[in-house]
All heavy atoms as atom14 arrays in JSON, in Angstrom:
{
  "sequence": "MEPGTPGAEPTNWGSVFGGPAWEFDEKTGEYYLHLFSKKQPDLNWENP",
  "atom14_mask": [
    [1, 1, 1, 1, 1, 1, 1, 1, 0, 0, 0, 0, 0, 0],
    [1, 1, 1, 1, 1, 1, 1, 1, 1, 0, 0, 0, 0, 0],
    [1, 1, 1, 1, 1, 1, 1, 0, 0, 0, 0, 0, 0, 0],
    [1, 1, 1, 1, 0, 0, 0, 0, 0, 0, 0, 0, 0, 0],
    [1, 1, 1, 1, 1, 1, 1, 0, 0, 0, 0, 0, 0, 0],
    [1, 1, 1, 1, 1, 1, 1, 0, 0, 0, 0, 0, 0, 0],
    [1, 1, 1, 1, 0, 0, 0, 0, 0, 0, 0, 0, 0, 0],
    [1, 1, 1, 1, 1, 0, 0, 0, 0, 0, 0, 0, 0, 0],
    [1, 1, 1, 1, 1, 1, 1, 1, 1, 0, 0, 0, 0, 0],
    [1, 1, 1, 1, 1, 1, 1, 0, 0, 0, 0, 0, 0, 0],
    [1, 1, 1, 1, 1, 1, 1, 0, 0, 0, 0, 0, 0, 0],
    [1, 1, 1, 1, 1, 1, 1, 1, 0, 0, 0, 0, 0, 0],
    [1, 1, 1, 1, 1, 1, 1, 1, 1, 1, 1, 1, 1, 1],
    [1, 1, 1, 1, 0, 0, 0, 0, 0, 0, 0, 0, 0, 0],
    [1, 1, 1, 1, 1, 1, 0, 0, 0, 0, 0, 0, 0, 0],
    [1, 1, 1, 1, 1, 1, 1, 0, 0, 0, 0, 0, 0, 0],
    [1, 1, 1, 1, 1, 1, 1, 1, 1, 1, 1, 0, 0, 0],
    [1, 1, 1, 1, 0, 0, 0, 0, 0, 0, 0, 0, 0, 0],
    [1, 1, 1, 1, 0, 0, 0, 0, 0, 0, 0, 0, 0, 0],
    [1, 1, 1, 1, 1, 1, 1, 0, 0, 0, 0, 0, 0, 0],
    [1, 1, 1, 1, 1, 0, 0, 0, 0, 0, 0, 0, 0, 0],
    [1, 1, 1, 1, 1, 1, 1, 1, 1, 1, 1, 1, 1, 1],
    [1, 1, 1, 1, 1, 1, 1, 1, 1, 0, 0, 0, 0, 0],
    [1, 1, 1, 1, 1, 1, 1, 1, 1, 1, 1, 0, 0, 0],
    [1, 1, 1, 1, 1, 1, 1, 1, 0, 0, 0, 0, 0, 0],
    [1, 1, 1, 1, 1, 1, 1, 1, 1, 0, 0, 0, 0, 0],
    [1, 1, 1, 1, 1, 1, 1, 1, 1, 0, 0, 0, 0, 0],
    [1, 1, 1, 1, 1, 1, 1, 0, 0, 0, 0, 0, 0, 0],
    [1, 1, 1, 1, 0, 0, 0, 0, 0, 0, 0, 0, 0, 0],
    [1, 1, 1, 1, 1, 1, 1, 1, 1, 0, 0, 0, 0, 0],
    [1, 1, 1, 1, 1, 1, 1, 1, 1, 1, 1, 1, 0, 0],
    [1, 1, 1, 1, 1, 1, 1, 1, 1, 1, 1, 1, 0, 0],
    [1, 1, 1, 1, 1, 1, 1, 1, 0, 0, 0, 0, 0, 0],
    [1, 1, 1, 1, 1, 1, 1, 1, 1, 1, 0, 0, 0, 0],
    [1, 1, 1, 1, 1, 1, 1, 1, 0, 0, 0, 0, 0, 0],
    [1, 1, 1, 1, 1, 1, 1, 1, 1, 1, 1, 0, 0, 0],
    [1, 1, 1, 1, 1, 1, 0, 0, 0, 0, 0, 0, 0, 0],
    [1, 1, 1, 1, 1, 1, 1, 1, 1, 0, 0, 0, 0, 0],
    [1, 1, 1, 1, 1, 1, 1, 1, 1, 0, 0, 0, 0, 0],
    [1, 1, 1, 1, 1, 1, 1, 1, 1, 0, 0, 0, 0, 0],
    [1, 1, 1, 1, 1, 1, 1, 0, 0, 0, 0, 0, 0, 0],
    [1, 1, 1, 1, 1, 1, 1, 1, 0, 0, 0, 0, 0, 0],
    [1, 1, 1, 1, 1, 1, 1, 1, 0, 0, 0, 0, 0, 0],
    [1, 1, 1, 1, 1, 1, 1, 1, 0, 0, 0, 0, 0, 0],
    [1, 1, 1, 1, 1, 1, 1, 1, 1, 1, 1, 1, 1, 1],
    [1, 1, 1, 1, 1, 1, 1, 1, 1, 0, 0, 0, 0, 0],
    [1, 1, 1, 1, 1, 1, 1, 1, 0, 0, 0, 0, 0, 0],
    [1, 1, 1, 1, 1, 1, 1, 0, 0, 0, 0, 0, 0, 0]
  ],
  "atom14_positions": [
    [[-12.84, 8.29, 2.77], [-13.06, 6.85, 2.62], [-12.76, 6.14, 3.93], [-11.93, 6.59, 4.72], [-12.17, 6.27, 1.51], [-12.4, 6.88, 0.13], [-13.92, 6.28, -0.65], [-13.47, 4.58, -1.02], [0.0, 0.0, 0.0], [0.0, 0.0, 0.0], [0.0, 0.0, 0.0], [0.0, 0.0, 0.0], [0.0, 0.0, 0.0], [0.0, 0.0, 0.0]],
    [[-13.43, 5.03, 4.14], [-13.22, 4.22, 5.34], [-11.93, 3.42, 5.18], [-11.79, 2.64, 4.23], [-14.4, 3.27, 5.55], [-14.28, 2.36, 6.75], [-14.36, 3.1, 8.08], [-14.96, 4.2, 8.1], [-13.83, 2.56, 9.08], [0.0, 0.0, 0.0], [0.0, 0.0, 0.0], [0.0, 0.0, 0.0], [0.0, 0.0, 0.0], [0.0, 0.0, 0.0]],
    [[-10.95, 3.6, 6.07], [-9.69, 2.86, 5.94], [-9.93, 1.35, 5.87], [-10.76, 0.8, 6.61], [-8.94, 3.23, 7.22], [-9.48, 4.57, 7.61], [-10.93, 4.52, 7.22], [0.0, 0.0, 0.0], [0.0, 0.0, 0.0], [0.0, 0.0, 0.0], [0.0, 0.0, 0.0], [0.0, 0.0, 0.0], [0.0, 0.0, 0.0], [0.0, 0.0, 0.0]],
    [[-9.22, 0.7, 4.96], [-9.32, -0.75, 4.82], [-10.4, -1.23, 3.88], [-10.52, -2.43, 3.64], [0.0, 0.0, 0.0], [0.0, 0.0, 0.0], [0.0, 0.0, 0.0], [0.0, 0.0, 0.0], [0.0, 0.0, 0.0], [0.0, 0.0, 0.0], [0.0, 0.0, 0.0], [0.0, 0.0, 0.0], [0.0, 0.0, 0.0], [0.0, 0.0, 0.0]],
    [[-11.2, -0.31, 3.32], [-12.26, -0.71, 2.39], [-11.77, -0.55, 0.96], [-10.87, 0.25, 0.68], [-13.53, 0.13, 2.6], [-13.22, 1.53, 2.37], [-14.05, -0.03, 4.01], [0.0, 0.0, 0.0], [0.0, 0.0, 0.0], [0.0, 0.0, 0.0], [0.0, 0.0, 0.0], [0.0, 0.0, 0.0], [0.0, 0.0, 0.0], [0.0, 0.0, 0.0]],
    [[-12.37, -1.29, 0.0], [-11.95, -1.18, -1.4], [-12.08, 0.26, -1.91], [-13.09, 0.93, -1.67], [-12.92, -2.11, -2.13], [-13.33, -3.11, -1.1], [-13.39, -2.34, 0.19], [0.0, 0.0, 0.0], [0.0, 0.0, 0.0], [0.0, 0.0, 0.0], [0.0, 0.0, 0.0], [0.0, 0.0, 0.0], [0.0, 0.0, 0.0], [0.0, 0.0, 0.0]],
    [[-11.04, 0.73, -2.55], [-11.03, 2.08, -3.09], [-10.47, 3.12, -2.15], [-10.29, 4.27, -2.53], [0.0, 0.0, 0.0], [0.0, 0.0, 0.0], [0.0, 0.0, 0.0], [0.0, 0.0, 0.0], [0.0, 0.0, 0.0], [0.0, 0.0, 0.0], [0.0, 0.0, 0.0], [0.0, 0.0, 0.0], [0.0, 0.0, 0.0], [0.0, 0.0, 0.0]],
    [[-10.22, 2.73, -0.9], [-9.7, 3.68, 0.08], [-8.18, 3.81, 0.02], [-7.59, 4.64, 0.73], [-10.12, 3.28, 1.49], [0.0, 0.0, 0.0], [0.0, 0.0, 0.0], [0.0, 0.0, 0.0], [0.0, 0.0, 0.0], [0.0, 0.0, 0.0], [0.0, 0.0, 0.0], [0.0, 0.0, 0.0], [0.0, 0.0, 0.0], [0.0, 0.0, 0.0]],
    [[-7.54, 3.01, -0.83], [-6.08, 3.06, -0.94], [-5.64, 4.48, -1.3], [-6.33, 5.2, -2.02], [-5.58, 2.09, -2.01], [-5.83, 0.63, -1.7], [-7.19, 0.13, -2.14], [-7.94, 0.94, -2.75], [-7.53, -1.03, -1.88], [0.0, 0.0, 0.0], [0.0, 0.0, 0.0], [0.0, 0.0, 0.0], [0.0, 0.0, 0.0], [0.0, 0.0, 0.0]],
    [[-4.47, 4.92, -0.81], [-4.01, 6.3, -1.04], [-3.9, 6.69, -2.51], [-4.12, 7.85, -2.86], [-2.64, 6.33, -0.36], [-2.74, 5.28, 0.72], [-3.6, 4.21, 0.14], [0.0, 0.0, 0.0], [0.0, 0.0, 0.0], [0.0, 0.0, 0.0], [0.0, 0.0, 0.0], [0.0, 0.0, 0.0], [0.0, 0.0, 0.0], [0.0, 0.0, 0.0]],
    [[-3.53, 5.75, -3.38], [-3.58, 5.97, -4.83], [-4.23, 4.75, -5.47], [-4.43, 3.72, -4.81], [-2.18, 6.17, -5.45], [-1.47, 4.92, -5.45], [-1.38, 7.22, -4.7], [0.0, 0.0, 0.0], [0.0, 0.0, 0.0], [0.0, 0.0, 0.0], [0.0, 0.0, 0.0], [0.0, 0.0, 0.0], [0.0, 0.0, 0.0], [0.0, 0.0, 0.0]],
    [[-4.54, 4.86, -6.75], [-5.22, 3.77, -7.45], [-4.24, 2.82, -8.14], [-4.62, 2.05, -9.02], [-6.23, 4.31, -8.46], [-5.57, 5.17, -9.54], [-4.35, 5.41, -9.52], [-6.37, 5.65, -10.49], [0.0, 0.0, 0.0], [0.0, 0.0, 0.0], [0.0, 0.0, 0.0], [0.0, 0.0, 0.0], [0.0, 0.0, 0.0], [0.0, 0.0, 0.0]],
    [[-2.96, 2.88, -7.77], [-1.94, 2.06, -8.43], [-2.19, 0.57, -8.23], [-2.6, 0.12, -7.16], [-0.55, 2.38, -7.88], [-0.08, 3.78, -8.11], [-0.71, 4.78, -8.8], [1.14, 4.34, -7.63], [0.04, 5.93, -8.78], [1.18, 5.69, -8.08], [2.19, 3.85, -6.88], [2.25, 6.54, -7.78], [3.26, 4.68, -6.59], [3.28, 6.02, -7.03]],
    [[-1.88, -0.18, -9.27], [-1.88, -1.63, -9.16], [-0.48, -2.16, -8.91], [0.52, -1.54, -9.28], [0.0, 0.0, 0.0], [0.0, 0.0, 0.0], [0.0, 0.0, 0.0], [0.0, 0.0, 0.0], [0.0, 0.0, 0.0], [0.0, 0.0, 0.0], [0.0, 0.0, 0.0], [0.0, 0.0, 0.0], [0.0, 0.0, 0.0], [0.0, 0.0, 0.0]],
    [[-0.41, -3.29, -8.25], [0.87, -3.97, -8.03], [1.28, -4.72, -9.29], [0.42, -5.2, -10.05], [0.75, -4.95, -6.86], [1.76, -5.93, -6.9], [0.0, 0.0, 0.0], [0.0, 0.0, 0.0], [0.0, 0.0, 0.0], [0.0, 0.0, 0.0], [0.0, 0.0, 0.0], [0.0, 0.0, 0.0], [0.0, 0.0, 0.0], [0.0, 0.0, 0.0]],
    [[2.57, -4.83, -9.52], [3.08, -5.61, -10.65], [2.59, -7.05, -10.57], [2.36, -7.69, -11.6], [4.62, -5.57, -10.67], [5.18, -6.51, -11.73], [5.11, -4.15, -10.91], [0.0, 0.0, 0.0], [0.0, 0.0, 0.0], [0.0, 0.0, 0.0], [0.0, 0.0, 0.0], [0.0, 0.0, 0.0], [0.0, 0.0, 0.0], [0.0, 0.0, 0.0]],
    [[2.39, -7.55, -9.36], [2.0, -8.95, -9.17], [0.49, -9.14, -9.04], [0.03, -10.22, -8.68], [2.69, -9.51, -7.91], [4.19, -9.65, -8.05], [4.97, -9.81, -6.92], [4.81, -9.63, -9.29], [6.35, -9.95, -7.03], [6.18, -9.76, -9.41], [6.96, -9.92, -8.27], [0.0, 0.0, 0.0], [0.0, 0.0, 0.0], [0.0, 0.0, 0.0]],
    [[-0.27, -8.11, -9.35], [-1.72, -8.21, -9.26], [-2.25, -7.63, -7.97], [-1.57, -7.66, -6.93], [0.0, 0.0, 0.0], [0.0, 0.0, 0.0], [0.0, 0.0, 0.0], [0.0, 0.0, 0.0], [0.0, 0.0, 0.0], [0.0, 0.0, 0.0], [0.0, 0.0, 0.0], [0.0, 0.0, 0.0], [0.0, 0.0, 0.0], [0.0, 0.0, 0.0]],
    [[-3.47, -7.08, -8.01], [-4.06, -6.45, -6.84], [-3.56, -5.04, -6.66], [-2.78, -4.51, -7.47], [0.0, 0.0, 0.0], [0.0, 0.0, 0.0], [0.0, 0.0, 0.0], [0.0, 0.0, 0.0], [0.0, 0.0, 0.0], [0.0, 0.0, 0.0], [0.0, 0.0, 0.0], [0.0, 0.0, 0.0], [0.0, 0.0, 0.0], [0.0, 0.0, 0.0]],
    [[-3.97, -4.37, -5.57], [-3.54, -2.99, -5.33], [-2.09, -2.94, -4.87], [-1.54, -3.92, -4.37], [-4.48, -2.52, -4.22], [-4.83, -3.77, -3.47], [-4.88, -4.87, -4.51], [0.0, 0.0, 0.0], [0.0, 0.0, 0.0], [0.0, 0.0, 0.0], [0.0, 0.0, 0.0], [0.0, 0.0, 0.0], [0.0, 0.0, 0.0], [0.0, 0.0, 0.0]],
    [[-1.48, -1.77, -5.05], [-0.08, -1.55, -4.64], [0.01, -1.07, -3.2], [1.08, -0.65, -2.76], [0.59, -0.55, -5.57], [0.0, 0.0, 0.0], [0.0, 0.0, 0.0], [0.0, 0.0, 0.0], [0.0, 0.0, 0.0], [0.0, 0.0, 0.0], [0.0, 0.0, 0.0], [0.0, 0.0, 0.0], [0.0, 0.0, 0.0], [0.0, 0.0, 0.0]],
    [[-1.09, -1.12, -2.47], [-1.12, -0.67, -1.07], [-1.69, -1.77, -0.19], [-2.64, -2.47, -0.58], [-1.99, 0.57, -0.92], [-1.45, 1.78, -1.63], [-1.73, 2.18, -2.91], [-0.54, 2.74, -1.1], [-1.05, 3.33, -3.2], [-0.3, 3.71, -2.11], [0.11, 2.89, 0.13], [0.54, 4.8, -1.93], [0.96, 3.97, 0.32], [1.16, 4.91, -0.7]],
    [[-1.13, -1.91, 1.01], [-1.63, -2.87, 1.99], [-2.0, -2.13, 3.27], [-1.21, -1.34, 3.8], [-0.56, -3.93, 2.28], [-0.97, -4.99, 3.3], [-2.0, -5.97, 2.76], [-2.3, -5.93, 1.54], [-2.52, -6.79, 3.56], [0.0, 0.0, 0.0], [0.0, 0.0, 0.0], [0.0, 0.0, 0.0], [0.0, 0.0, 0.0], [0.0, 0.0, 0.0]],
    [[-3.21, -2.39, 3.73], [-3.69, -1.73, 4.95], [-3.12, -2.44, 6.18], [-3.13, -3.67, 6.28], [-5.21, -1.75, 4.99], [-5.79, -1.04, 6.18], [-5.59, 0.32, 6.38], [-6.54, -1.75, 7.13], [-6.12, 0.97, 7.49], [-7.07, -1.1, 8.23], [-6.86, 0.26, 8.4], [0.0, 0.0, 0.0], [0.0, 0.0, 0.0], [0.0, 0.0, 0.0]],
    [[-2.6, -1.64, 7.1], [-2.05, -2.16, 8.35], [-2.99, -1.75, 9.49], [-3.08, -0.57, 9.84], [-0.65, -1.59, 8.58], [-0.01, -2.12, 9.85], [0.25, -3.33, 9.91], [0.21, -1.33, 10.78], [0.0, 0.0, 0.0], [0.0, 0.0, 0.0], [0.0, 0.0, 0.0], [0.0, 0.0, 0.0], [0.0, 0.0, 0.0], [0.0, 0.0, 0.0]],
    [[-3.69, -2.72, 10.05], [-4.72, -2.4, 11.05], [-4.13, -1.8, 12.31], [-4.77, -0.96, 12.96], [-5.52, -3.67, 11.39], [-6.4, -4.15, 10.25], [-7.42, -5.18, 10.72], [-7.5, -5.4, 11.94], [-8.13, -5.73, 9.86], [0.0, 0.0, 0.0], [0.0, 0.0, 0.0], [0.0, 0.0, 0.0], [0.0, 0.0, 0.0], [0.0, 0.0, 0.0]],
    [[-2.93, -2.19, 12.67], [-2.37, -1.73, 13.93], [-2.24, -0.2, 13.98], [-2.56, 0.43, 14.99], [-1.01, -2.38, 14.18], [-0.37, -1.96, 15.49], [0.93, -2.71, 15.75], [1.53, -2.29, 17.1], [2.79, -3.02, 17.39], [0.0, 0.0, 0.0], [0.0, 0.0, 0.0], [0.0, 0.0, 0.0], [0.0, 0.0, 0.0], [0.0, 0.0, 0.0]],
    [[-1.75, 0.38, 12.87], [-1.55, 1.84, 12.86], [-2.6, 2.56, 12.01], [-2.6, 3.79, 11.95], [-0.15, 2.18, 12.33], [0.0, 1.65, 11.0], [0.93, 1.61, 13.23], [0.0, 0.0, 0.0], [0.0, 0.0, 0.0], [0.0, 0.0, 0.0], [0.0, 0.0, 0.0], [0.0, 0.0, 0.0], [0.0, 0.0, 0.0], [0.0, 0.0, 0.0]],
    [[-3.46, 1.82, 11.34], [-4.55, 2.44, 10.59], [-4.09, 3.12, 9.31], [-4.82, 3.96, 8.77], [0.0, 0.0, 0.0], [0.0, 0.0, 0.0], [0.0, 0.0, 0.0], [0.0, 0.0, 0.0], [0.0, 0.0, 0.0], [0.0, 0.0, 0.0], [0.0, 0.0, 0.0], [0.0, 0.0, 0.0], [0.0, 0.0, 0.0], [0.0, 0.0, 0.0]],
    [[-2.9, 2.77, 8.81], [-2.4, 3.37, 7.57], [-2.0, 2.27, 6.58], [-1.94, 1.1, 6.92], [-1.19, 4.28, 7.85], [-1.56, 5.54, 8.6], [-0.41, 6.53, 8.68], [0.78, 6.07, 8.71], [-0.67, 7.74, 8.74], [0.0, 0.0, 0.0], [0.0, 0.0, 0.0], [0.0, 0.0, 0.0], [0.0, 0.0, 0.0], [0.0, 0.0, 0.0]],
    [[-1.73, 2.72, 5.35], [-1.34, 1.83, 4.27], [0.16, 1.97, 4.0], [0.72, 3.06, 4.13], [-2.07, 2.18, 2.98], [-3.55, 1.93, 2.96], [-4.44, 2.87, 3.51], [-4.08, 0.79, 2.36], [-5.81, 2.67, 3.47], [-5.45, 0.58, 2.31], [-6.31, 1.52, 2.86], [-7.66, 1.31, 2.81], [0.0, 0.0, 0.0], [0.0, 0.0, 0.0]],
    [[0.79, 0.88, 3.59], [2.17, 0.98, 3.08], [2.2, 0.59, 1.6], [1.42, -0.23, 1.14], [3.15, 0.14, 3.89], [2.95, -1.36, 3.84], [3.5, -2.13, 2.8], [2.24, -2.02, 4.84], [3.33, -3.5, 2.77], [2.08, -3.4, 4.82], [2.62, -4.14, 3.78], [2.45, -5.5, 3.73], [0.0, 0.0, 0.0], [0.0, 0.0, 0.0]],
    [[3.11, 1.21, 0.88], [3.25, 1.0, -0.56], [4.08, -0.24, -0.84], [5.14, -0.44, -0.25], [3.92, 2.22, -1.2], [4.22, 2.15, -2.7], [2.91, 2.14, -3.51], [5.1, 3.32, -3.13], [0.0, 0.0, 0.0], [0.0, 0.0, 0.0], [0.0, 0.0, 0.0], [0.0, 0.0, 0.0], [0.0, 0.0, 0.0], [0.0, 0.0, 0.0]],
    [[3.6, -1.05, -1.79], [4.4, -2.18, -2.28], [4.13, -2.3, -3.79], [3.1, -2.77, -4.22], [4.02, -3.49, -1.56], [2.59, -3.89, -1.69], [2.14, -4.73, -2.7], [1.49, -3.58, -0.95], [0.83, -4.91, -2.58], [0.4, -4.23, -1.52], [0.0, 0.0, 0.0], [0.0, 0.0, 0.0], [0.0, 0.0, 0.0], [0.0, 0.0, 0.0]],
    [[5.09, -1.88, -4.58], [4.91, -1.97, -6.03], [4.87, -3.42, -6.5], [4.35, -3.71, -7.57], [6.02, -1.21, -6.75], [6.05, 0.3, -6.52], [7.2, 0.94, -7.28], [4.72, 0.94, -6.93], [0.0, 0.0, 0.0], [0.0, 0.0, 0.0], [0.0, 0.0, 0.0], [0.0, 0.0, 0.0], [0.0, 0.0, 0.0], [0.0, 0.0, 0.0]],
    [[5.41, -4.32, -5.68], [5.41, -5.73, -6.03], [4.54, -6.47, -5.0], [3.41, -6.09, -4.78], [6.85, -6.24, -6.11], [7.61, -5.57, -7.24], [8.3, -4.38, -7.04], [7.6, -6.11, -8.52], [8.96, -3.74, -8.09], [8.26, -5.49, -9.57], [8.93, -4.3, -9.36], [0.0, 0.0, 0.0], [0.0, 0.0, 0.0], [0.0, 0.0, 0.0]],
    [[5.02, -7.51, -4.39], [4.22, -8.27, -3.42], [3.96, -7.43, -2.16], [4.74, -6.54, -1.81], [4.98, -9.55, -3.04], [4.51, -10.09, -1.83], [0.0, 0.0, 0.0], [0.0, 0.0, 0.0], [0.0, 0.0, 0.0], [0.0, 0.0, 0.0], [0.0, 0.0, 0.0], [0.0, 0.0, 0.0], [0.0, 0.0, 0.0], [0.0, 0.0, 0.0]],
    [[2.88, -7.77, -1.45], [2.6, -7.08, -0.19], [3.66, -7.4, 0.85], [3.75, -6.72, 1.88], [1.21, -7.43, 0.33], [1.03, -8.88, 0.76], [-0.41, -9.11, 1.24], [-0.62, -10.55, 1.69], [-2.02, -10.78, 2.15], [0.0, 0.0, 0.0], [0.0, 0.0, 0.0], [0.0, 0.0, 0.0], [0.0, 0.0, 0.0], [0.0, 0.0, 0.0]],
    [[4.49, -8.43, 0.59], [5.6, -8.73, 1.47], [6.89, -8.05, 1.01], [7.98, -8.39, 1.49], [5.8, -10.24, 1.58], [4.69, -10.94, 2.37], [4.96, -12.43, 2.55], [6.14, -12.7, 3.44], [5.98, -12.22, 4.83], [0.0, 0.0, 0.0], [0.0, 0.0, 0.0], [0.0, 0.0, 0.0], [0.0, 0.0, 0.0], [0.0, 0.0, 0.0]],
    [[6.75, -7.09, 0.08], [7.9, -6.34, -0.42], [7.63, -4.82, -0.32], [7.47, -4.14, -1.32], [8.2, -6.72, -1.87], [8.67, -8.16, -2.04], [8.74, -8.58, -3.5], [7.72, -8.67, -4.18], [9.94, -8.83, -4.0], [0.0, 0.0, 0.0], [0.0, 0.0, 0.0], [0.0, 0.0, 0.0], [0.0, 0.0, 0.0], [0.0, 0.0, 0.0]],
    [[7.57, -4.28, 0.88], [7.29, -2.85, 1.04], [8.41, -1.99, 0.45], [9.59, -2.29, 0.6], [7.2, -2.68, 2.56], [8.02, -3.8, 3.12], [7.81, -4.96, 2.18], [0.0, 0.0, 0.0], [0.0, 0.0, 0.0], [0.0, 0.0, 0.0], [0.0, 0.0, 0.0], [0.0, 0.0, 0.0], [0.0, 0.0, 0.0], [0.0, 0.0, 0.0]],
    [[8.0, -0.91, -0.22], [8.97, -0.02, -0.86], [9.7, 0.83, 0.16], [9.07, 1.46, 1.04], [8.27, 0.91, -1.86], [8.02, 0.23, -3.18], [7.5, -0.9, -3.17], [8.35, 0.82, -4.23], [0.0, 0.0, 0.0], [0.0, 0.0, 0.0], [0.0, 0.0, 0.0], [0.0, 0.0, 0.0], [0.0, 0.0, 0.0], [0.0, 0.0, 0.0]],
    [[11.01, 0.87, 0.04], [11.83, 1.75, 0.87], [11.65, 3.19, 0.41], [11.48, 3.48, -0.78], [13.31, 1.36, 0.77], [13.7, 0.1, 1.55], [14.99, -0.5, 1.01], [13.82, 0.41, 3.04], [0.0, 0.0, 0.0], [0.0, 0.0, 0.0], [0.0, 0.0, 0.0], [0.0, 0.0, 0.0], [0.0, 0.0, 0.0], [0.0, 0.0, 0.0]],
    [[11.71, 4.1, 1.36], [11.53, 5.53, 1.08], [12.89, 6.19, 0.88], [13.54, 6.61, 1.83], [10.77, 6.19, 2.22], [10.59, 7.69, 1.99], [10.85, 8.2, 0.9], [10.15, 8.4, 3.03], [0.0, 0.0, 0.0], [0.0, 0.0, 0.0], [0.0, 0.0, 0.0], [0.0, 0.0, 0.0], [0.0, 0.0, 0.0], [0.0, 0.0, 0.0]],
    [[13.31, 6.29, -0.37], [14.61, 6.87, -0.69], [14.66, 8.37, -0.47], [15.74, 8.98, -0.53], [15.01, 6.5, -2.12], [15.66, 5.15, -2.2], [15.06, 3.94, -1.99], [17.03, 4.88, -2.48], [15.98, 2.93, -2.13], [17.2, 3.47, -2.43], [18.13, 5.68, -2.77], [18.43, 2.86, -2.66], [19.35, 5.07, -3.0], [19.49, 3.68, -2.94]],
    [[13.54, 8.99, -0.21], [13.55, 10.42, 0.13], [14.24, 10.64, 1.48], [14.72, 11.72, 1.78], [12.12, 10.97, 0.19], [11.37, 10.94, -1.13], [11.97, 11.9, -2.15], [12.31, 13.04, -1.77], [12.09, 11.5, -3.33], [0.0, 0.0, 0.0], [0.0, 0.0, 0.0], [0.0, 0.0, 0.0], [0.0, 0.0, 0.0], [0.0, 0.0, 0.0]],
    [[14.27, 9.59, 2.3], [14.87, 9.67, 3.63], [16.38, 9.41, 3.54], [16.8, 8.31, 3.16], [14.21, 8.62, 4.54], [14.67, 8.72, 5.99], [15.76, 9.19, 6.27], [13.82, 8.25, 6.89], [0.0, 0.0, 0.0], [0.0, 0.0, 0.0], [0.0, 0.0, 0.0], [0.0, 0.0, 0.0], [0.0, 0.0, 0.0], [0.0, 0.0, 0.0]],
    [[17.22, 10.39, 3.87], [18.69, 10.18, 3.75], [19.21, 9.06, 4.63], [20.24, 8.46, 4.32], [19.27, 11.54, 4.16], [18.18, 12.24, 4.91], [16.9, 11.74, 4.34], [0.0, 0.0, 0.0], [0.0, 0.0, 0.0], [0.0, 0.0, 0.0], [0.0, 0.0, 0.0], [0.0, 0.0, 0.0], [0.0, 0.0, 0.0], [0.0, 0.0, 0.0]]
  ]
}
């Protein structure tokens, strides 16, 4: 999929607040996860 296009999100999850749970970041060309608002990125608790 073309990064930044509809359906290209890493998973099909929806955000609790509406819309997708992923936000595309043009600077690095990747998406970050936000289960809530796009201004609330999820911390990665796998990282000690």
